[in-house]
């Protein structure tokens, strides 16, 4: 979440349409809503013992953080 907040504050844009919709309530509020949804899905996955899905989701989130870091680097170098 921190990398997303930094990227947005530097002028980056949210590419996920669902999260972009959540951001209509504000950057922090929208990101908190999106994280609450993700955590709820993870809890359901753990409850139903869907460990494989949780592992894949962790890889996706690692990729999102890496993408955000690249956006931060580009926006910082441009400024």
C-alpha atoms as a PDB file:
ATOM      1  CA  UNK A   1       0.000   0.000   0.000  1.00  0.00           C
ATOM      2  CA  UNK A   2       2.848   2.390   0.781  1.00  0.00           C
ATOM      3  CA  UNK A   3       4.315   2.146  -2.706  1.00  0.00           C
ATOM      4  CA  UNK A   4       0.899   2.830  -4.239  1.00  0.00           C
ATOM      5  CA  UNK A   5       0.396   5.919  -2.055  1.00  0.00           C
ATOM      6  CA  UNK A   6       3.844   7.230  -2.999  1.00  0.00           C
ATOM      7  CA  UNK A   7       3.292   6.566  -6.710  1.00  0.00           C
ATOM      8  CA  UNK A   8      -0.102   8.301  -6.620  1.00  0.00           C
ATOM      9  CA  UNK A   9       1.330  11.288  -4.746  1.00  0.00           C
ATOM     10  CA  UNK A  10       4.015  11.656  -7.433  1.00  0.00           C
ATOM     11  CA  UNK A  11       1.378  11.770 -10.175  1.00  0.00           C
ATOM     12  CA  UNK A  12       1.045   8.082 -10.997  1.00  0.00           C
ATOM     13  CA  UNK A  13      -2.315   6.570 -11.921  1.00  0.00           C
ATOM     14  CA  UNK A  14      -4.101   3.439 -10.758  1.00  0.00           C
ATOM     15  CA  UNK A  15      -4.398   0.878 -13.575  1.00  0.00           C
ATOM     16  CA  UNK A  16      -6.762  -1.541 -11.818  1.00  0.00           C
ATOM     17  CA  UNK A  17     -10.325  -0.352 -12.638  1.00  0.00           C
ATOM     18  CA  UNK A  18     -11.800  -1.743  -9.412  1.00  0.00           C
ATOM     19  CA  UNK A  19      -9.193  -0.064  -7.217  1.00  0.00           C
ATOM     20  CA  UNK A  20      -9.528   3.128  -9.293  1.00  0.00           C
ATOM     21  CA  UNK A  21     -13.247   3.069  -8.478  1.00  0.00           C
ATOM     22  CA  UNK A  22     -12.461   2.666  -4.769  1.00  0.00           C
ATOM     23  CA  UNK A  23     -10.127   5.673  -5.006  1.00  0.00           C
ATOM     24  CA  UNK A  24     -13.152   7.890  -5.671  1.00  0.00           C
ATOM     25  CA  UNK A  25     -13.553   8.082  -1.861  1.00  0.00           C
ATOM     26  CA  UNK A  26      -9.962   9.324  -1.552  1.00  0.00           C
ATOM     27  CA  UNK A  27      -6.528   7.754  -1.922  1.00  0.00           C
ATOM     28  CA  UNK A  28      -6.162   6.372   1.592  1.00  0.00           C
ATOM     29  CA  UNK A  29      -9.809   5.391   1.953  1.00  0.00           C
ATOM     30  CA  UNK A  30      -9.859   3.701  -1.431  1.00  0.00           C
ATOM     31  CA  UNK A  31      -6.687   1.759  -0.748  1.00  0.00           C
ATOM     32  CA  UNK A  32      -7.952   0.699   2.680  1.00  0.00           C
ATOM     33  CA  UNK A  33     -11.174  -0.565   1.075  1.00  0.00           C
ATOM     34  CA  UNK A  34      -9.211  -2.504  -1.552  1.00  0.00           C
ATOM     35  CA  UNK A  35      -6.952  -4.027   1.120  1.00  0.00           C
ATOM     36  CA  UNK A  36      -9.986  -4.990   3.215  1.00  0.00           C
ATOM     37  CA  UNK A  37     -11.443  -6.799   0.196  1.00  0.00           C
ATOM     38  CA  UNK A  38      -8.151  -8.603  -0.468  1.00  0.00           C
ATOM     39  CA  UNK A  39      -7.729  -9.597   3.177  1.00  0.00           C
ATOM     40  CA  UNK A  40     -11.309 -10.909   3.249  1.00  0.00           C
ATOM     41  CA  UNK A  41     -10.625 -13.047   0.182  1.00  0.00           C
ATOM     42  CA  UNK A  42      -7.385 -14.321   1.757  1.00  0.00           C
ATOM     43  CA  UNK A  43      -9.201 -15.238   4.984  1.00  0.00           C
ATOM     44  CA  UNK A  44     -11.804 -17.149   2.972  1.00  0.00           C
ATOM     45  CA  UNK A  45      -9.024 -18.892   1.056  1.00  0.00           C
ATOM     46  CA  UNK A  46      -7.315 -19.896   4.293  1.00  0.00           C
ATOM     47  CA  UNK A  47     -10.629 -21.051   5.776  1.00  0.00           C
ATOM     48  CA  UNK A  48     -11.268 -23.297   2.771  1.00  0.00           C
ATOM     49  CA  UNK A  49      -7.613 -24.409   2.729  1.00  0.00           C
ATOM     50  CA  UNK A  50      -6.861 -22.909  -0.683  1.00  0.00           C
ATOM     51  CA  UNK A  51      -3.167 -22.368   0.017  1.00  0.00           C
ATOM     52  CA  UNK A  52      -2.251 -22.495  -3.666  1.00  0.00           C
ATOM     53  CA  UNK A  53      -4.372 -19.433  -4.390  1.00  0.00           C
ATOM     54  CA  UNK A  54      -2.832 -17.504  -1.508  1.00  0.00           C
ATOM     55  CA  UNK A  55       0.663 -18.328  -2.797  1.00  0.00           C
ATOM     56  CA  UNK A  56      -0.256 -17.079  -6.270  1.00  0.00           C
ATOM     57  CA  UNK A  57      -1.779 -13.916  -4.809  1.00  0.00           C
ATOM     58  CA  UNK A  58       1.473 -13.237  -2.928  1.00  0.00           C
ATOM     59  CA  UNK A  59       3.392 -13.464  -6.202  1.00  0.00           C
ATOM     60  CA  UNK A  60       0.966 -11.038  -7.824  1.00  0.00           C
ATOM     61  CA  UNK A  61       1.387  -8.572  -4.958  1.00  0.00           C
ATOM     62  CA  UNK A  62       5.173  -8.845  -5.231  1.00  0.00           C
ATOM     63  CA  UNK A  63       4.842  -7.956  -8.915  1.00  0.00           C
ATOM     64  CA  UNK A  64       2.589  -4.995  -8.051  1.00  0.00           C
ATOM     65  CA  UNK A  65       5.127  -3.653  -5.553  1.00  0.00           C
ATOM     66  CA  UNK A  66       7.913  -4.045  -8.131  1.00  0.00           C
ATOM     67  CA  UNK A  67       5.781  -2.200 -10.710  1.00  0.00           C
ATOM     68  CA  UNK A  68       5.036   0.578  -8.216  1.00  0.00           C
ATOM     69  CA  UNK A  69       8.748   0.925  -7.440  1.00  0.00           C
ATOM     70  CA  UNK A  70       9.509   1.268 -11.153  1.00  0.00           C
ATOM     71  CA  UNK A  71       6.791   3.940 -11.491  1.00  0.00           C
ATOM     72  CA  UNK A  72       8.210   5.794  -8.474  1.00  0.00           C
ATOM     73  CA  UNK A  73      11.705   5.651  -9.973  1.00  0.00           C
ATOM     74  CA  UNK A  74      10.477   6.970 -13.354  1.00  0.00           C
ATOM     75  CA  UNK A  75       8.418   9.763 -11.813  1.00  0.00           C
ATOM     76  CA  UNK A  76      11.282  10.745  -9.514  1.00  0.00           C
ATOM     77  CA  UNK A  77      13.776  10.867 -12.377  1.00  0.00           C
ATOM     78  CA  UNK A  78      11.428  13.013 -14.482  1.00  0.00           C
ATOM     79  CA  UNK A  79      10.859  15.544 -11.674  1.00  0.00           C
END
